[in-house]
N, C-alpha and C. Protein backbone atom coordinates (compact mmCIF):
# COMPACT_ATOMS: atom_id res chain seq x y z
N UNK A 1 -1.14 -1.12 8.86
CA UNK A 1 -0.19 -0.42 8.03
C UNK A 1 -0.85 0.01 6.72
N UNK A 2 -1.58 -0.91 6.10
CA UNK A 2 -2.24 -0.57 4.83
C UNK A 2 -3.30 0.51 5.04
N UNK A 3 -3.99 0.46 6.16
CA UNK A 3 -5.03 1.45 6.42
C UNK A 3 -4.45 2.86 6.54
N UNK A 4 -3.29 2.99 7.18
CA UNK A 4 -2.65 4.30 7.29
C UNK A 4 -2.24 4.81 5.92
N UNK A 5 -1.65 3.94 5.11
CA UNK A 5 -1.25 4.35 3.77
C UNK A 5 -2.48 4.72 2.94
N UNK A 6 -3.55 3.97 3.10
CA UNK A 6 -4.78 4.25 2.39
C UNK A 6 -5.35 5.61 2.77
N UNK A 7 -5.33 5.92 4.05
CA UNK A 7 -5.83 7.22 4.52
C UNK A 7 -5.01 8.37 3.92
N UNK A 8 -3.69 8.20 3.86
CA UNK A 8 -2.83 9.23 3.29
C UNK A 8 -3.15 9.47 1.82
N UNK A 9 -3.29 8.39 1.06
CA UNK A 9 -3.57 8.52 -0.37
C UNK A 9 -4.96 9.13 -0.58
N UNK A 10 -5.93 8.72 0.21
CA UNK A 10 -7.28 9.28 0.08
C UNK A 10 -7.29 10.76 0.41
N UNK A 11 -6.53 11.17 1.43
CA UNK A 11 -6.46 12.59 1.78
C UNK A 11 -5.82 13.39 0.65
N UNK A 12 -4.76 12.84 0.06
CA UNK A 12 -4.10 13.50 -1.07
C UNK A 12 -5.04 13.60 -2.26
N UNK A 13 -5.80 12.54 -2.53
CA UNK A 13 -6.74 12.57 -3.65
C UNK A 13 -7.86 13.57 -3.42
N UNK A 14 -8.35 13.63 -2.18
CA UNK A 14 -9.39 14.61 -1.85
C UNK A 14 -8.88 16.04 -2.05
N UNK A 15 -7.64 16.29 -1.62
CA UNK A 15 -7.06 17.62 -1.78
C UNK A 15 -6.93 17.98 -3.26
N UNK A 16 -6.41 17.04 -4.04
CA UNK A 16 -6.26 17.29 -5.48
C UNK A 16 -7.61 17.51 -6.14
N UNK A 17 -8.61 16.74 -5.73
CA UNK A 17 -9.94 16.90 -6.32
C UNK A 17 -10.48 18.30 -6.01
N UNK A 18 -10.24 18.77 -4.79
CA UNK A 18 -10.66 20.13 -4.44
C UNK A 18 -9.98 21.16 -5.32
N UNK A 19 -8.69 20.97 -5.59
CA UNK A 19 -7.98 21.88 -6.49
C UNK A 19 -8.57 21.85 -7.89
N UNK A 20 -8.88 20.66 -8.37
CA UNK A 20 -9.46 20.52 -9.71
C UNK A 20 -10.78 21.27 -9.79
N UNK A 21 -11.62 21.09 -8.79
CA UNK A 21 -12.93 21.76 -8.78
C UNK A 21 -12.75 23.28 -8.80
N UNK A 22 -11.83 23.79 -7.99
CA UNK A 22 -11.61 25.24 -7.94
C UNK A 22 -11.03 25.76 -9.25
N UNK A 23 -10.10 25.02 -9.84
CA UNK A 23 -9.52 25.46 -11.11
C UNK A 23 -10.54 25.44 -12.24
N UNK A 24 -11.48 24.51 -12.18
CA UNK A 24 -12.51 24.43 -13.23
C UNK A 24 -13.45 25.64 -13.17
N UNK A 25 -13.53 26.28 -12.02
CA UNK A 25 -14.39 27.46 -11.88
C UNK A 25 -13.77 28.69 -12.54
N UNK A 26 -12.45 28.67 -12.74
CA UNK A 26 -11.75 29.81 -13.33
C UNK A 26 -11.90 29.79 -14.84
N UNK A 27 -11.57 30.92 -15.43
CA UNK A 27 -11.62 31.04 -16.88
C UNK A 27 -10.54 30.16 -17.51
N UNK A 28 -10.88 29.46 -18.55
CA UNK A 28 -9.97 28.50 -19.17
C UNK A 28 -8.92 29.19 -20.02
N UNK A 29 -7.68 28.72 -19.90
CA UNK A 29 -6.60 29.11 -20.80
C UNK A 29 -5.62 27.94 -20.90
N UNK A 30 -4.60 28.06 -21.73
CA UNK A 30 -3.68 26.95 -21.99
C UNK A 30 -2.98 26.47 -20.73
N UNK A 31 -2.45 27.40 -19.94
CA UNK A 31 -1.71 27.03 -18.73
C UNK A 31 -2.63 26.34 -17.75
N UNK A 32 -3.82 26.87 -17.58
CA UNK A 32 -4.79 26.29 -16.65
C UNK A 32 -5.20 24.88 -17.11
N UNK A 33 -5.43 24.73 -18.40
CA UNK A 33 -5.80 23.41 -18.93
C UNK A 33 -4.68 22.39 -18.72
N UNK A 34 -3.44 22.85 -18.87
CA UNK A 34 -2.30 21.96 -18.66
C UNK A 34 -2.22 21.54 -17.18
N UNK A 35 -2.43 22.48 -16.29
CA UNK A 35 -2.43 22.17 -14.85
C UNK A 35 -3.55 21.19 -14.49
N UNK A 36 -4.72 21.42 -15.04
CA UNK A 36 -5.84 20.52 -14.80
C UNK A 36 -5.53 19.11 -15.29
N UNK A 37 -4.91 19.01 -16.45
CA UNK A 37 -4.58 17.69 -17.00
C UNK A 37 -3.60 16.96 -16.07
N UNK A 38 -2.62 17.67 -15.56
CA UNK A 38 -1.64 17.06 -14.65
C UNK A 38 -2.33 16.60 -13.37
N UNK A 39 -3.20 17.44 -12.82
CA UNK A 39 -3.91 17.08 -11.60
C UNK A 39 -4.84 15.89 -11.82
N UNK A 40 -5.50 15.84 -12.96
CA UNK A 40 -6.40 14.72 -13.25
C UNK A 40 -5.63 13.40 -13.39
N UNK A 41 -4.46 13.45 -14.02
CA UNK A 41 -3.63 12.25 -14.13
C UNK A 41 -3.18 11.79 -12.75
N UNK A 42 -2.76 12.74 -11.92
CA UNK A 42 -2.33 12.40 -10.56
C UNK A 42 -3.49 11.82 -9.75
N UNK A 43 -4.69 12.35 -9.97
CA UNK A 43 -5.87 11.83 -9.27
C UNK A 43 -6.16 10.40 -9.71
N UNK A 44 -6.02 10.12 -10.99
CA UNK A 44 -6.24 8.76 -11.49
C UNK A 44 -5.19 7.80 -10.93
N UNK A 45 -3.96 8.27 -10.81
CA UNK A 45 -2.91 7.44 -10.21
C UNK A 45 -3.22 7.14 -8.74
N UNK A 46 -3.78 8.14 -8.05
CA UNK A 46 -4.18 7.92 -6.66
C UNK A 46 -5.30 6.88 -6.57
N UNK A 47 -6.25 6.93 -7.50
CA UNK A 47 -7.32 5.92 -7.51
C UNK A 47 -6.72 4.53 -7.70
N UNK A 48 -5.75 4.42 -8.60
CA UNK A 48 -5.11 3.13 -8.85
C UNK A 48 -4.36 2.65 -7.60
N UNK A 49 -3.68 3.58 -6.92
CA UNK A 49 -2.95 3.20 -5.71
C UNK A 49 -3.91 2.78 -4.61
N UNK A 50 -5.04 3.48 -4.49
CA UNK A 50 -6.05 3.10 -3.50
C UNK A 50 -6.54 1.69 -3.77
N UNK A 51 -6.79 1.38 -5.03
CA UNK A 51 -7.24 0.05 -5.40
C UNK A 51 -6.20 -1.01 -5.03
N UNK A 52 -4.93 -0.74 -5.35
CA UNK A 52 -3.86 -1.70 -5.01
C UNK A 52 -3.75 -1.89 -3.51
N UNK A 53 -3.84 -0.80 -2.74
CA UNK A 53 -3.73 -0.91 -1.29
C UNK A 53 -4.88 -1.72 -0.69
N UNK A 54 -6.08 -1.54 -1.23
CA UNK A 54 -7.23 -2.32 -0.76
C UNK A 54 -7.00 -3.80 -1.05
N UNK A 55 -6.51 -4.11 -2.25
CA UNK A 55 -6.24 -5.50 -2.61
C UNK A 55 -5.15 -6.10 -1.73
N UNK A 56 -4.10 -5.33 -1.48
CA UNK A 56 -3.00 -5.82 -0.64
C UNK A 56 -3.47 -6.04 0.80
N UNK A 57 -4.31 -5.14 1.29
CA UNK A 57 -4.84 -5.29 2.64
C UNK A 57 -5.70 -6.54 2.76
N UNK A 58 -6.52 -6.77 1.75
CA UNK A 58 -7.38 -7.95 1.74
C UNK A 58 -6.54 -9.22 1.70
N UNK A 59 -5.52 -9.23 0.85
CA UNK A 59 -4.64 -10.40 0.74
C UNK A 59 -3.90 -10.65 2.06
N UNK A 60 -3.47 -9.59 2.72
CA UNK A 60 -2.77 -9.75 4.01
C UNK A 60 -3.72 -10.31 5.06
N UNK A 61 -4.96 -9.87 5.05
CA UNK A 61 -5.94 -10.39 6.01
C UNK A 61 -6.21 -11.87 5.75
N UNK A 62 -6.28 -12.27 4.49
CA UNK A 62 -6.48 -13.67 4.16
C UNK A 62 -5.30 -14.52 4.61
N UNK A 63 -4.08 -14.02 4.37
CA UNK A 63 -2.88 -14.75 4.80
C UNK A 63 -2.84 -14.88 6.32
N UNK A 64 -3.19 -13.82 7.03
CA UNK A 64 -3.18 -13.86 8.49
C UNK A 64 -4.21 -14.86 8.99
N UNK A 65 -5.37 -14.89 8.37
CA UNK A 65 -6.40 -15.86 8.76
C UNK A 65 -5.94 -17.28 8.53
N UNK A 66 -5.30 -17.54 7.41
CA UNK A 66 -4.79 -18.88 7.10
C UNK A 66 -3.71 -19.30 8.10
N UNK A 67 -2.82 -18.38 8.43
CA UNK A 67 -1.78 -18.69 9.40
C UNK A 67 -2.39 -18.98 10.78
N UNK A 68 -3.42 -18.23 11.13
CA UNK A 68 -4.10 -18.47 12.41
C UNK A 68 -4.73 -19.85 12.45
N UNK A 69 -5.34 -20.25 11.36
CA UNK A 69 -5.95 -21.59 11.30
C UNK A 69 -4.88 -22.67 11.40
N UNK A 70 -3.75 -22.47 10.74
CA UNK A 70 -2.67 -23.45 10.80
C UNK A 70 -2.13 -23.57 12.22
N UNK A 71 -1.98 -22.47 12.92
CA UNK A 71 -1.47 -22.49 14.29
C UNK A 71 -2.43 -23.24 15.20
N UNK A 72 -3.72 -22.98 15.04
CA UNK A 72 -4.73 -23.69 15.85
C UNK A 72 -4.69 -25.19 15.60
N UNK A 73 -4.54 -25.58 14.35
CA UNK A 73 -4.45 -27.01 14.03
C UNK A 73 -3.20 -27.62 14.63
N UNK A 74 -2.09 -26.93 14.57
CA UNK A 74 -0.85 -27.45 15.15
C UNK A 74 -0.95 -27.56 16.67
N UNK A 75 -1.63 -26.64 17.31
CA UNK A 75 -1.80 -26.71 18.75
C UNK A 75 -2.65 -27.91 19.14
N UNK A 76 -3.66 -28.21 18.32
CA UNK A 76 -4.51 -29.37 18.61
C UNK A 76 -3.71 -30.67 18.50
N UNK A 77 -2.76 -30.70 17.55
CA UNK A 77 -1.95 -31.90 17.36
C UNK A 77 -0.92 -32.08 18.47
N UNK A 78 -0.46 -30.96 19.03
CA UNK A 78 0.62 -31.01 20.03
C UNK A 78 0.14 -31.22 21.39
């Protein structure tokens, strides 16, 4: 589940980055600078979300491993 969400956010960030690169090639004006600023903020938010998703995925894997170990121990006792 986390991997799918991560792929979606990474695809969105890649798309936004492409827009930023293309807009930077154009002649600068106030409206363009404002659009670039909005896109850059959104890109930074995507980076933060990617980081959170990676951490959540790692934590879920650790919890699953711990539960698996507990089940194996309980089976040995039973």
